[in-house]
PDB file of N, CA and C in Angstrom:
ATOM      1  N   MET A   1     -50.257 116.658 -14.252  1.00  0.00           N
ATOM      2  CA  MET A   1     -50.520 115.770 -15.428  1.00  0.00           C
ATOM      3  C   MET A   1     -49.409 116.313 -16.446  1.00  0.00           C
ATOM      4  N   ALA A   2     -48.715 115.268 -17.066  1.00  0.00           N
ATOM      5  CA  ALA A   2     -47.704 115.656 -17.990  1.00  0.00           C
ATOM      6  C   ALA A   2     -48.262 115.982 -19.313  1.00  0.00           C
ATOM      7  N   THR A   3     -47.720 116.942 -20.026  1.00  0.00           N
ATOM      8  CA  THR A   3     -48.242 117.288 -21.421  1.00  0.00           C
ATOM      9  C   THR A   3     -47.778 116.255 -22.427  1.00  0.00           C
ATOM     10  N   LYS A   4     -48.565 116.132 -23.445  1.00  0.00           N
ATOM     11  CA  LYS A   4     -48.277 115.112 -24.369  1.00  0.00           C
ATOM     12  C   LYS A   4     -47.533 115.938 -25.559  1.00  0.00           C
ATOM     13  N   SER A   5     -46.593 114.964 -26.241  1.00  0.00           N
ATOM     14  CA  SER A   5     -45.958 115.516 -27.231  1.00  0.00           C
ATOM     15  C   SER A   5     -46.697 115.671 -28.573  1.00  0.00           C
ATOM     16  N   ARG A   6     -46.218 116.282 -29.624  1.00  0.00           N
ATOM     17  CA  ARG A   6     -46.735 116.346 -30.748  1.00  0.00           C
ATOM     18  C   ARG A   6     -47.149 114.917 -31.405  1.00  0.00           C
ATOM     19  N   ASN A   7     -46.016 114.116 -31.230  1.00  0.00           N
ATOM     20  CA  ASN A   7     -46.214 112.760 -31.934  1.00  0.00           C
ATOM     21  C   ASN A   7     -47.246 112.004 -31.152  1.00  0.00           C
ATOM     22  N   ASP A   8     -47.168 112.086 -29.807  1.00  0.00           N
ATOM     23  CA  ASP A   8     -48.176 111.344 -28.960  1.00  0.00           C
ATOM     24  C   ASP A   8     -49.442 111.747 -29.433  1.00  0.00           C
ATOM     25  N   MET A   9     -49.722 112.962 -29.661  1.00  0.00           N
ATOM     26  CA  MET A   9     -51.141 113.349 -30.140  1.00  0.00           C
ATOM     27  C   MET A   9     -51.404 112.778 -31.545  1.00  0.00           C
ATOM     28  N   ARG A  10     -50.350 112.713 -32.361  1.00  0.00           N
ATOM     29  CA  ARG A  10     -50.579 112.223 -33.681  1.00  0.00           C
ATOM     30  C   ARG A  10     -50.960 110.824 -33.716  1.00  0.00           C
ATOM     31  N   VAL A  11     -50.200 109.988 -32.786  1.00  0.00           N
ATOM     32  CA  VAL A  11     -50.553 108.667 -32.660  1.00  0.00           C
ATOM     33  C   VAL A  11     -51.893 108.389 -32.135  1.00  0.00           C
ATOM     34  N   PHE A  12     -52.294 109.273 -31.142  1.00  0.00           N
ATOM     35  CA  PHE A  12     -53.731 109.222 -30.616  1.00  0.00           C
ATOM     36  C   PHE A  12     -54.884 109.409 -31.656  1.00  0.00           C
ATOM     37  N   ARG A  13     -54.492 110.441 -32.494  1.00  0.00           N
ATOM     38  CA  ARG A  13     -55.353 110.642 -33.743  1.00  0.00           C
ATOM     39  C   ARG A  13     -55.364 109.369 -34.716  1.00  0.00           C
ATOM     40  N   HIS A  14     -54.304 108.850 -35.045  1.00  0.00           N
ATOM     41  CA  HIS A  14     -54.190 107.616 -35.882  1.00  0.00           C
ATOM     42  C   HIS A  14     -54.961 106.661 -35.406  1.00  0.00           C
ATOM     43  N   LYS A  15     -54.773 106.234 -33.978  1.00  0.00           N
ATOM     44  CA  LYS A  15     -55.463 105.162 -33.496  1.00  0.00           C
ATOM     45  C   LYS A  15     -57.033 105.432 -33.565  1.00  0.00           C
ATOM     46  N   ARG A  16     -57.471 106.600 -33.356  1.00  0.00           N
ATOM     47  CA  ARG A  16     -58.918 106.899 -33.432  1.00  0.00           C
ATOM     48  C   ARG A  16     -59.448 106.841 -34.987  1.00  0.00           C
ATOM     49  N   ILE A  17     -58.543 107.115 -35.963  1.00  0.00           N
ATOM     50  CA  ILE A  17     -58.949 106.901 -37.428  1.00  0.00           C
ATOM     51  C   ILE A  17     -58.913 105.663 -37.700  1.00  0.00           C
ATOM     52  N   ARG A  18     -57.949 104.684 -37.102  1.00  0.00           N
ATOM     53  CA  ARG A  18     -58.020 103.227 -37.594  1.00  0.00           C
ATOM     54  C   ARG A  18     -58.928 102.531 -37.054  1.00  0.00           C
ATOM     55  N   LYS A  19     -59.714 102.929 -36.020  1.00  0.00           N
ATOM     56  CA  LYS A  19     -61.054 102.234 -35.513  1.00  0.00           C
ATOM     57  C   LYS A  19     -62.063 102.213 -36.521  1.00  0.00           C
ATOM     58  N   HIS A  20     -61.958 103.032 -37.568  1.00  0.00           N
ATOM     59  CA  HIS A  20     -63.107 103.142 -38.517  1.00  0.00           C
ATOM     60  C   HIS A  20     -62.489 102.770 -39.880  1.00  0.00           C
ATOM     61  N   LEU A  21     -61.336 102.553 -40.277  1.00  0.00           N
ATOM     62  CA  LEU A  21     -60.829 102.426 -41.443  1.00  0.00           C
ATOM     63  C   LEU A  21     -59.837 101.192 -41.534  1.00  0.00           C
ATOM     64  N   SER A  22     -60.164 100.320 -42.540  1.00  0.00           N
ATOM     65  CA  SER A  22     -59.483  99.133 -42.680  1.00  0.00           C
ATOM     66  C   SER A  22     -59.235  98.700 -44.143  1.00  0.00           C
ATOM     67  N   GLY A  23     -58.255  98.111 -44.564  1.00  0.00           N
ATOM     68  CA  GLY A  23     -57.902  97.724 -45.831  1.00  0.00           C
ATOM     69  C   GLY A  23     -58.469  96.196 -46.037  1.00  0.00           C
ATOM     70  N   THR A  24     -59.185  96.086 -47.161  1.00  0.00           N
ATOM     71  CA  THR A  24     -59.671  94.786 -47.575  1.00  0.00           C
ATOM     72  C   THR A  24     -59.070  94.287 -48.792  1.00  0.00           C
ATOM     73  N   PRO A  25     -59.070  93.077 -49.139  1.00  0.00           N
ATOM     74  CA  PRO A  25     -58.501  92.650 -50.426  1.00  0.00           C
ATOM     75  C   PRO A  25     -58.881  93.305 -51.755  1.00  0.00           C
ATOM     76  N   GLY A  26     -60.190  93.586 -51.534  1.00  0.00           N
ATOM     77  CA  GLY A  26     -60.747  94.540 -52.814  1.00  0.00           C
ATOM     78  C   GLY A  26     -60.386  95.891 -52.731  1.00  0.00           C
ATOM     79  N   CYS A  27     -60.173  96.513 -51.601  1.00  0.00           N
ATOM     80  CA  CYS A  27     -59.934  97.961 -51.400  1.00  0.00           C
ATOM     81  C   CYS A  27     -58.991  98.043 -50.169  1.00  0.00           C
ATOM     82  N   PRO A  28     -57.695  97.931 -50.464  1.00  0.00           N
ATOM     83  CA  PRO A  28     -56.563  97.867 -49.419  1.00  0.00           C
ATOM     84  C   PRO A  28     -56.377  99.394 -48.887  1.00  0.00           C
ATOM     85  N   ARG A  29     -55.722  99.614 -47.889  1.00  0.00           N
ATOM     86  CA  ARG A  29     -55.370 100.862 -47.193  1.00  0.00           C
ATOM     87  C   ARG A  29     -54.095 101.523 -47.746  1.00  0.00           C
ATOM     88  N   LEU A  30     -54.200 102.717 -48.012  1.00  0.00           N
ATOM     89  CA  LEU A  30     -52.807 103.468 -48.479  1.00  0.00           C
ATOM     90  C   LEU A  30     -52.466 104.323 -47.269  1.00  0.00           C
ATOM     91  N   ALA A  31     -51.517 103.783 -46.437  1.00  0.00           N
ATOM     92  CA  ALA A  31     -51.026 104.278 -45.375  1.00  0.00           C
ATOM     93  C   ALA A  31     -49.825 105.118 -45.564  1.00  0.00           C
ATOM     94  N   VAL A  32     -49.681 106.415 -45.036  1.00  0.00           N
ATOM     95  CA  VAL A  32     -48.738 107.311 -45.094  1.00  0.00           C
ATOM     96  C   VAL A  32     -48.028 107.603 -43.772  1.00  0.00           C
ATOM     97  N   PHE A  33     -46.751 107.692 -43.971  1.00  0.00           N
ATOM     98  CA  PHE A  33     -45.847 108.033 -42.710  1.00  0.00           C
ATOM     99  C   PHE A  33     -45.024 109.332 -43.234  1.00  0.00           C
ATOM    100  N   LYS A  34     -44.794 110.405 -42.412  1.00  0.00           N
ATOM    101  CA  LYS A  34     -44.085 111.369 -42.705  1.00  0.00           C
ATOM    102  C   LYS A  34     -43.091 111.775 -41.529  1.00  0.00           C
ATOM    103  N   SER A  35     -41.764 111.824 -41.811  1.00  0.00           N
ATOM    104  CA  SER A  35     -40.887 112.189 -40.890  1.00  0.00           C
ATOM    105  C   SER A  35     -40.383 113.812 -41.103  1.00  0.00           C
ATOM    106  N   SER A  36     -39.373 114.169 -40.367  1.00  0.00           N
ATOM    107  CA  SER A  36     -39.016 115.501 -40.749  1.00  0.00           C
ATOM    108  C   SER A  36     -38.220 115.735 -42.140  1.00  0.00           C
ATOM    109  N   LYS A  37     -37.635 114.518 -42.404  1.00  0.00           N
ATOM    110  CA  LYS A  37     -36.954 114.617 -43.721  1.00  0.00           C
ATOM    111  C   LYS A  37     -37.496 113.836 -44.856  1.00  0.00           C
ATOM    112  N   HIS A  38     -38.339 112.905 -44.620  1.00  0.00           N
ATOM    113  CA  HIS A  38     -38.824 111.764 -45.628  1.00  0.00           C
ATOM    114  C   HIS A  38     -40.331 111.631 -45.631  1.00  0.00           C
ATOM    115  N   ILE A  39     -40.830 111.032 -46.547  1.00  0.00           N
ATOM    116  CA  ILE A  39     -42.192 110.649 -46.666  1.00  0.00           C
ATOM    117  C   ILE A  39     -42.241 109.165 -47.178  1.00  0.00           C
ATOM    118  N   SER A  40     -43.127 108.406 -46.610  1.00  0.00           N
ATOM    119  CA  SER A  40     -43.134 106.952 -47.221  1.00  0.00           C
ATOM    120  C   SER A  40     -44.691 106.609 -47.237  1.00  0.00           C
ATOM    121  N   ALA A  41     -45.137 105.635 -48.069  1.00  0.00           N
ATOM    122  CA  ALA A  41     -46.349 105.201 -48.168  1.00  0.00           C
ATOM    123  C   ALA A  41     -46.376 103.819 -48.558  1.00  0.00           C
ATOM    124  N   GLN A  42     -47.486 103.007 -47.923  1.00  0.00           N
ATOM    125  CA  GLN A  42     -47.657 101.549 -48.189  1.00  0.00           C
ATOM    126  C   GLN A  42     -49.119 101.379 -48.553  1.00  0.00           C
ATOM    127  N   ILE A  43     -49.284 100.276 -49.403  1.00  0.00           N
ATOM    128  CA  ILE A  43     -50.551  99.832 -49.620  1.00  0.00           C
ATOM    129  C   ILE A  43     -50.722  98.451 -48.823  1.00  0.00           C
ATOM    130  N   ILE A  44     -51.620  98.494 -48.009  1.00  0.00           N
ATOM    131  CA  ILE A  44     -51.781  97.240 -47.103  1.00  0.00           C
ATOM    132  C   ILE A  44     -52.992  96.634 -47.169  1.00  0.00           C
ATOM    133  N   ASP A  45     -52.967  95.395 -47.141  1.00  0.00           N
ATOM    134  CA  ASP A  45     -54.369  94.428 -47.133  1.00  0.00           C
ATOM    135  C   ASP A  45     -54.323  94.008 -45.640  1.00  0.00           C
ATOM    136  N   ASP A  46     -55.288  94.594 -44.721  1.00  0.00           N
ATOM    137  CA  ASP A  46     -55.219  94.338 -43.453  1.00  0.00           C
ATOM    138  C   ASP A  46     -55.792  92.991 -43.048  1.00  0.00           C
ATOM    139  N   VAL A  47     -56.566  92.362 -43.825  1.00  0.00           N
ATOM    140  CA  VAL A  47     -57.244  91.173 -43.576  1.00  0.00           C
ATOM    141  C   VAL A  47     -56.138  90.106 -43.703  1.00  0.00           C
ATOM    142  N   ALA A  48     -55.411  90.175 -44.765  1.00  0.00           N
ATOM    143  CA  ALA A  48     -54.166  89.067 -44.987  1.00  0.00           C
ATOM    144  C   ALA A  48     -52.901  89.541 -44.069  1.00  0.00           C
ATOM    145  N   GLY A  49     -52.851  90.894 -43.839  1.00  0.00           N
ATOM    146  CA  GLY A  49     -51.592  91.292 -43.099  1.00  0.00           C
ATOM    147  C   GLY A  49     -50.528  91.402 -44.017  1.00  0.00           C
ATOM    148  N   HIS A  50     -50.814  91.826 -45.404  1.00  0.00           N
ATOM    149  CA  HIS A  50     -49.569  91.861 -46.229  1.00  0.00           C
ATOM    150  C   HIS A  50     -49.552  93.337 -46.821  1.00  0.00           C
ATOM    151  N   THR A  51     -48.266  93.709 -47.085  1.00  0.00           N
ATOM    152  CA  THR A  51     -48.064  94.978 -47.859  1.00  0.00           C
ATOM    153  C   THR A  51     -47.918  94.630 -49.198  1.00  0.00           C
ATOM    154  N   LEU A  52     -48.798  95.311 -50.135  1.00  0.00           N
ATOM    155  CA  LEU A  52     -48.832  94.908 -51.522  1.00  0.00           C
ATOM    156  C   LEU A  52     -47.945  95.786 -52.318  1.00  0.00           C
ATOM    157  N   ALA A  53     -47.785  97.194 -51.782  1.00  0.00           N
ATOM    158  CA  ALA A  53     -46.724  97.894 -52.715  1.00  0.00           C
ATOM    159  C   ALA A  53     -46.228  99.002 -51.668  1.00  0.00           C
ATOM    160  N   THR A  54     -45.113  99.539 -51.982  1.00  0.00           N
ATOM    161  CA  THR A  54     -44.531 100.457 -50.976  1.00  0.00           C
ATOM    162  C   THR A  54     -43.708 101.504 -51.952  1.00  0.00           C
ATOM    163  N   ALA A  55     -43.653 102.780 -51.410  1.00  0.00           N
ATOM    164  CA  ALA A  55     -42.573 103.775 -51.980  1.00  0.00           C
ATOM    165  C   ALA A  55     -42.197 104.742 -51.003  1.00  0.00           C
ATOM    166  N   SER A  56     -40.975 105.268 -51.045  1.00  0.00           N
ATOM    167  CA  SER A  56     -40.382 106.256 -50.127  1.00  0.00           C
ATOM    168  C   SER A  56     -39.324 107.125 -50.779  1.00  0.00           C
ATOM    169  N   THR A  57     -39.214 108.256 -50.150  1.00  0.00           N
ATOM    170  CA  THR A  57     -38.242 109.295 -50.620  1.00  0.00           C
ATOM    171  C   THR A  57     -36.743 108.664 -50.326  1.00  0.00           C
ATOM    172  N   GLN A  58     -36.687 107.710 -49.511  1.00  0.00           N
ATOM    173  CA  GLN A  58     -35.440 107.034 -49.225  1.00  0.00           C
ATOM    174  C   GLN A  58     -34.899 106.055 -50.233  1.00  0.00           C
ATOM    175  N   GLU A  59     -35.717 105.605 -51.395  1.00  0.00           N
ATOM    176  CA  GLU A  59     -35.232 104.778 -52.293  1.00  0.00           C
ATOM    177  C   GLU A  59     -34.298 105.577 -53.189  1.00  0.00           C
ATOM    178  N   LYS A  60     -33.337 105.064 -53.710  1.00  0.00           N
ATOM    179  CA  LYS A  60     -32.279 105.806 -54.739  1.00  0.00           C
ATOM    180  C   LYS A  60     -32.849 105.955 -55.938  1.00  0.00           C
ATOM    181  N   ASP A  61     -33.534 104.971 -56.454  1.00  0.00           N
ATOM    182  CA  ASP A  61     -33.975 104.902 -57.729  1.00  0.00           C
ATOM    183  C   ASP A  61     -35.173 106.154 -57.950  1.00  0.00           C
ATOM    184  N   LEU A  62     -35.788 106.543 -56.993  1.00  0.00           N
ATOM    185  CA  LEU A  62     -36.836 107.395 -57.089  1.00  0.00           C
ATOM    186  C   LEU A  62     -36.329 108.970 -57.223  1.00  0.00           C
ATOM    187  N   LYS A  63     -35.039 109.206 -56.493  1.00  0.00           N
ATOM    188  CA  LYS A  63     -34.491 110.600 -56.625  1.00  0.00           C
ATOM    189  C   LYS A  63     -35.552 111.594 -56.101  1.00  0.00           C
ATOM    190  N   ALA A  64     -36.196 111.345 -55.011  1.00  0.00           N
ATOM    191  CA  ALA A  64     -37.259 112.228 -54.560  1.00  0.00           C
ATOM    192  C   ALA A  64     -36.695 112.686 -53.112  1.00  0.00           C
ATOM    193  N   ALA A  65     -37.026 114.253 -52.879  1.00  0.00           N
ATOM    194  CA  ALA A  65     -36.676 114.795 -51.605  1.00  0.00           C
ATOM    195  C   ALA A  65     -38.022 114.637 -50.660  1.00  0.00           C
ATOM    196  N   GLY A  66     -37.918 114.968 -49.459  1.00  0.00           N
ATOM    197  CA  GLY A  66     -39.052 114.891 -48.627  1.00  0.00           C
ATOM    198  C   GLY A  66     -39.860 116.200 -48.679  1.00  0.00           C
ATOM    199  N   ASN A  67     -39.989 116.884 -49.609  1.00  0.00           N
ATOM    200  CA  ASN A  67     -40.889 117.923 -49.969  1.00  0.00           C
ATOM    201  C   ASN A  67     -42.103 117.793 -50.710  1.00  0.00           C
ATOM    202  N   ILE A  68     -42.736 118.709 -51.052  1.00  0.00           N
ATOM    203  CA  ILE A  68     -43.936 118.513 -51.845  1.00  0.00           C
ATOM    204  C   ILE A  68     -43.703 117.849 -53.277  1.00  0.00           C
ATOM    205  N   GLN A  69     -42.801 118.342 -53.963  1.00  0.00           N
ATOM    206  CA  GLN A  69     -42.527 117.674 -55.263  1.00  0.00           C
ATOM    207  C   GLN A  69     -42.080 116.287 -55.078  1.00  0.00           C
ATOM    208  N   GLY A  70     -41.360 116.055 -54.052  1.00  0.00           N
ATOM    209  CA  GLY A  70     -40.812 114.565 -53.742  1.00  0.00           C
ATOM    210  C   GLY A  70     -42.062 113.763 -53.361  1.00  0.00           C
ATOM    211  N   ALA A  71     -43.022 114.280 -52.579  1.00  0.00           N
ATOM    212  CA  ALA A  71     -44.317 113.371 -52.242  1.00  0.00           C
ATOM    213  C   ALA A  71     -45.044 113.151 -53.428  1.00  0.00           C
ATOM    214  N   LYS A  72     -45.184 114.005 -54.546  1.00  0.00           N
ATOM    215  CA  LYS A  72     -45.886 113.762 -55.516  1.00  0.00           C
ATOM    216  C   LYS A  72     -45.329 112.550 -56.360  1.00  0.00           C
ATOM    217  N   ILE A  73     -44.062 112.633 -56.537  1.00  0.00           N
ATOM    218  CA  ILE A  73     -43.218 111.688 -57.230  1.00  0.00           C
ATOM    219  C   ILE A  73     -43.429 110.371 -56.422  1.00  0.00           C
ATOM    220  N   VAL A  74     -43.198 110.324 -55.026  1.00  0.00           N
ATOM    221  CA  VAL A  74     -43.624 108.953 -54.359  1.00  0.00           C
ATOM    222  C   VAL A  74     -44.946 108.551 -54.704  1.00  0.00           C
ATOM    223  N   GLY A  75     -46.017 109.442 -54.560  1.00  0.00           N
ATOM    224  CA  GLY A  75     -47.396 109.030 -54.867  1.00  0.00           C
ATOM    225  C   GLY A  75     -47.660 108.306 -56.210  1.00  0.00           C
ATOM    226  N   LYS A  76     -46.979 108.993 -57.252  1.00  0.00           N
ATOM    227  CA  LYS A  76     -47.023 108.435 -58.632  1.00  0.00           C
ATOM    228  C   LYS A  76     -46.393 107.073 -58.564  1.00  0.00           C
ATOM    229  N   ALA A  77     -45.171 106.787 -58.112  1.00  0.00           N
ATOM    230  CA  ALA A  77     -44.634 105.595 -58.088  1.00  0.00           C
ATOM    231  C   ALA A  77     -45.382 104.657 -57.435  1.00  0.00           C
ATOM    232  N   LEU A  78     -45.939 104.931 -56.269  1.00  0.00           N
ATOM    233  CA  LEU A  78     -46.751 104.033 -55.527  1.00  0.00           C
ATOM    234  C   LEU A  78     -47.894 103.553 -56.326  1.00  0.00           C
ATOM    235  N   ALA A  79     -48.584 104.438 -56.995  1.00  0.00           N
ATOM    236  CA  ALA A  79     -49.842 104.109 -57.846  1.00  0.00           C
ATOM    237  C   ALA A  79     -49.302 103.224 -58.842  1.00  0.00           C
ATOM    238  N   GLU A  80     -48.301 103.334 -59.514  1.00  0.00           N
ATOM    239  CA  GLU A  80     -47.893 102.449 -60.769  1.00  0.00           C
ATOM    240  C   GLU A  80     -47.584 101.114 -60.067  1.00  0.00           C
ATOM    241  N   ARG A  81     -46.843 101.041 -59.079  1.00  0.00           N
ATOM    242  CA  ARG A  81     -46.573  99.694 -58.305  1.00  0.00           C
ATOM    243  C   ARG A  81     -47.934  99.018 -57.923  1.00  0.00           C
ATOM    244  N   ALA A  82     -48.814  99.734 -57.400  1.00  0.00           N
ATOM    245  CA  ALA A  82     -50.101  99.195 -57.149  1.00  0.00           C
ATOM    246  C   ALA A  82     -50.969  98.607 -58.265  1.00  0.00           C
ATOM    247  N   MET A  83     -50.874  99.314 -59.338  1.00  0.00           N
ATOM    248  CA  MET A  83     -51.433  98.891 -60.513  1.00  0.00           C
ATOM    249  C   MET A  83     -50.852  97.636 -61.114  1.00  0.00           C
ATOM    250  N   LYS A  84     -49.676  97.468 -60.939  1.00  0.00           N
ATOM    251  CA  LYS A  84     -48.926  96.203 -61.462  1.00  0.00           C
ATOM    252  C   LYS A  84     -49.310  95.120 -60.611  1.00  0.00           C
ATOM    253  N   SER A  85     -49.661  95.298 -59.298  1.00  0.00           N
ATOM    254  CA  SER A  85     -50.123  94.257 -58.440  1.00  0.00           C
ATOM    255  C   SER A  85     -51.720  94.208 -58.380  1.00  0.00           C
ATOM    256  N   GLY A  86     -52.416  94.780 -59.224  1.00  0.00           N
ATOM    257  CA  GLY A  86     -53.748  94.601 -59.563  1.00  0.00           C
ATOM    258  C   GLY A  86     -54.624  95.317 -58.683  1.00  0.00           C
ATOM    259  N   VAL A  87     -54.125  96.404 -57.936  1.00  0.00           N
ATOM    260  CA  VAL A  87     -54.962  97.282 -57.039  1.00  0.00           C
ATOM    261  C   VAL A  87     -55.137  98.641 -57.786  1.00  0.00           C
ATOM    262  N   ASN A  88     -56.468  99.039 -57.851  1.00  0.00           N
ATOM    263  CA  ASN A  88     -56.677 100.220 -58.499  1.00  0.00           C
ATOM    264  C   ASN A  88     -57.620 101.240 -57.694  1.00  0.00           C
ATOM    265  N   LYS A  89     -58.261 100.830 -56.560  1.00  0.00           N
ATOM    266  CA  LYS A  89     -59.073 101.434 -55.560  1.00  0.00           C
ATOM    267  C   LYS A  89     -58.499 101.149 -54.108  1.00  0.00           C
ATOM    268  N   VAL A  90     -58.357 102.196 -53.476  1.00  0.00           N
ATOM    269  CA  VAL A  90     -57.585 102.061 -52.029  1.00  0.00           C
ATOM    270  C   VAL A  90     -58.588 103.089 -51.108  1.00  0.00           C
ATOM    271  N   VAL A  91     -58.204 102.754 -49.826  1.00  0.00           N
ATOM    272  CA  VAL A  91     -58.724 103.742 -48.627  1.00  0.00           C
ATOM    273  C   VAL A  91     -57.628 104.488 -48.335  1.00  0.00           C
ATOM    274  N   PHE A  92     -57.801 105.894 -48.025  1.00  0.00           N
ATOM    275  CA  PHE A  92     -56.597 106.649 -47.710  1.00  0.00           C
ATOM    276  C   PHE A  92     -56.454 106.862 -46.316  1.00  0.00           C
ATOM    277  N   ASP A  93     -55.405 106.481 -45.613  1.00  0.00           N
ATOM    278  CA  ASP A  93     -55.167 106.659 -44.335  1.00  0.00           C
ATOM    279  C   ASP A  93     -53.950 107.596 -44.010  1.00  0.00           C
ATOM    280  N   ARG A  94     -54.293 108.811 -43.555  1.00  0.00           N
ATOM    281  CA  ARG A  94     -53.256 109.998 -43.509  1.00  0.00           C
ATOM    282  C   ARG A  94     -52.452 109.817 -42.185  1.00  0.00           C
ATOM    283  N   GLY A  95     -52.588 108.674 -41.520  1.00  0.00           N
ATOM    284  CA  GLY A  95     -51.783 108.415 -40.286  1.00  0.00           C
ATOM    285  C   GLY A  95     -51.802 109.391 -39.186  1.00  0.00           C
ATOM    286  N   GLY A  96     -52.754 110.135 -39.094  1.00  0.00           N
ATOM    287  CA  GLY A  96     -52.899 111.174 -38.030  1.00  0.00           C
ATOM    288  C   GLY A  96     -52.210 112.545 -38.372  1.00  0.00           C
ATOM    289  N   PHE A  97     -51.655 112.473 -39.625  1.00  0.00           N
ATOM    290  CA  PHE A  97     -51.118 113.807 -40.108  1.00  0.00           C
ATOM    291  C   PHE A  97     -52.268 114.620 -40.727  1.00  0.00           C
ATOM    292  N   GLN A  98     -52.192 116.022 -40.856  1.00  0.00           N
ATOM    293  CA  GLN A  98     -52.991 116.890 -41.382  1.00  0.00           C
ATOM    294  C   GLN A  98     -53.011 116.539 -42.919  1.00  0.00           C
ATOM    295  N   TYR A  99     -54.257 116.511 -43.539  1.00  0.00           N
ATOM    296  CA  TYR A  99     -54.226 116.387 -45.097  1.00  0.00           C
ATOM    297  C   TYR A  99     -53.917 117.757 -45.592  1.00  0.00           C
ATOM    298  N   HIS A 100     -52.564 117.974 -45.664  1.00  0.00           N
ATOM    299  CA  HIS A 100     -52.156 119.372 -46.023  1.00  0.00           C
ATOM    300  C   HIS A 100     -50.675 119.166 -46.460  1.00  0.00           C
ATOM    301  N   GLY A 101     -50.113 120.048 -47.325  1.00  0.00           N
ATOM    302  CA  GLY A 101     -48.741 120.027 -47.697  1.00  0.00           C
ATOM    303  C   GLY A 101     -48.361 118.675 -48.350  1.00  0.00           C
ATOM    304  N   VAL A 102     -47.292 117.909 -47.812  1.00  0.00           N
ATOM    305  CA  VAL A 102     -46.696 116.727 -48.460  1.00  0.00           C
ATOM    306  C   VAL A 102     -47.748 115.545 -48.541  1.00  0.00           C
ATOM    307  N   VAL A 103     -48.587 115.359 -47.425  1.00  0.00           N
ATOM    308  CA  VAL A 103     -49.513 114.336 -47.362  1.00  0.00           C
ATOM    309  C   VAL A 103     -50.658 114.541 -48.566  1.00  0.00           C
ATOM    310  N   ALA A 104     -51.080 115.738 -48.804  1.00  0.00           N
ATOM    311  CA  ALA A 104     -51.984 115.961 -49.867  1.00  0.00           C
ATOM    312  C   ALA A 104     -51.332 115.934 -51.163  1.00  0.00           C
ATOM    313  N   SER A 105     -50.037 116.344 -51.302  1.00  0.00           N
ATOM    314  CA  SER A 105     -49.327 116.114 -52.513  1.00  0.00           C
ATOM    315  C   SER A 105     -49.209 114.590 -52.959  1.00  0.00           C
ATOM    316  N   LEU A 106     -48.885 113.894 -51.972  1.00  0.00           N
ATOM    317  CA  LEU A 106     -48.909 112.465 -52.117  1.00  0.00           C
ATOM    318  C   LEU A 106     -50.116 111.871 -52.845  1.00  0.00           C
ATOM    319  N   ALA A 107     -51.162 112.196 -52.211  1.00  0.00           N
ATOM    320  CA  ALA A 107     -52.543 111.755 -52.491  1.00  0.00           C
ATOM    321  C   ALA A 107     -52.747 112.361 -53.931  1.00  0.00           C
ATOM    322  N   GLU A 108     -52.335 113.471 -54.229  1.00  0.00           N
ATOM    323  CA  GLU A 108     -52.685 114.093 -55.708  1.00  0.00           C
ATOM    324  C   GLU A 108     -51.902 113.266 -56.571  1.00  0.00           C
ATOM    325  N   GLY A 109     -50.712 113.032 -56.233  1.00  0.00           N
ATOM    326  CA  GLY A 109     -49.758 112.250 -57.256  1.00  0.00           C
ATOM    327  C   GLY A 109     -50.232 110.852 -57.466  1.00  0.00           C
ATOM    328  N   ALA A 110     -50.898 110.287 -56.494  1.00  0.00           N
ATOM    329  CA  ALA A 110     -51.476 108.873 -56.506  1.00  0.00           C
ATOM    330  C   ALA A 110     -52.635 108.959 -57.538  1.00  0.00           C
ATOM    331  N   ARG A 111     -53.551 109.740 -57.224  1.00  0.00           N
ATOM    332  CA  ARG A 111     -54.766 110.100 -58.069  1.00  0.00           C
ATOM    333  C   ARG A 111     -54.409 110.324 -59.542  1.00  0.00           C
ATOM    334  N   GLU A 112     -53.194 111.176 -59.755  1.00  0.00           N
ATOM    335  CA  GLU A 112     -53.026 111.476 -61.262  1.00  0.00           C
ATOM    336  C   GLU A 112     -52.475 110.199 -61.857  1.00  0.00           C
ATOM    337  N   ALA A 113     -51.892 109.334 -61.188  1.00  0.00           N
ATOM    338  CA  ALA A 113     -51.309 108.019 -61.850  1.00  0.00           C
ATOM    339  C   ALA A 113     -52.482 106.986 -61.927  1.00  0.00           C
ATOM    340  N   GLY A 114     -53.712 107.216 -61.419  1.00  0.00           N
ATOM    341  CA  GLY A 114     -54.840 106.370 -61.569  1.00  0.00           C
ATOM    342  C   GLY A 114     -55.299 105.780 -60.598  1.00  0.00           C
ATOM    343  N   LEU A 115     -54.744 105.893 -59.462  1.00  0.00           N
ATOM    344  CA  LEU A 115     -55.346 105.336 -58.124  1.00  0.00           C
ATOM    345  C   LEU A 115     -56.717 105.983 -57.684  1.00  0.00           C
ATOM    346  N   GLU A 116     -57.681 105.130 -57.401  1.00  0.00           N
ATOM    347  CA  GLU A 116     -58.989 105.750 -56.934  1.00  0.00           C
ATOM    348  C   GLU A 116     -59.099 105.684 -55.492  1.00  0.00           C
ATOM    349  N   PHE A 117     -59.567 106.840 -54.973  1.00  0.00           N
ATOM    350  CA  PHE A 117     -59.946 107.022 -53.407  1.00  0.00           C
ATOM    351  C   PHE A 117     -60.568 108.185 -53.144  1.00  0.00           C
TER     352      PHE A 117
END
C-alpha cells in the first residue's frame, strides 16, 4: 500500500469538512488556501457558485508576505471587501489546514475588521 503525501491527507480532511459546511447567500463560506509562500482567501456563495470577495498575499497593492503578519493583513482586506459587497457573517472553512499560525492569524484579522464567524 502506497503512503499518502501530506497534501493528499489535507485534501482528504478538506473533503470531510466540506460534507458538513456550505456557504449560503445569507452566510457565505470563507475558504482559506495556504501554500509554502503565500496565503489566499475567498468568500464564496456555494448556492449560486459565485465568489463574492477575495484577497491574497500575491496582490501588489496589499504588500503582504506569506507569514503571520501578512495573513492578518489579508484577513483585514478580505473583511473590508466583504463588507462592501454586503456580507458581514460567514462560515469559516480552513481547507484542511490546522487552525494554527497563518490560518488563525487570517481569521483574527478578519474578525478585527468586523466579519462575524
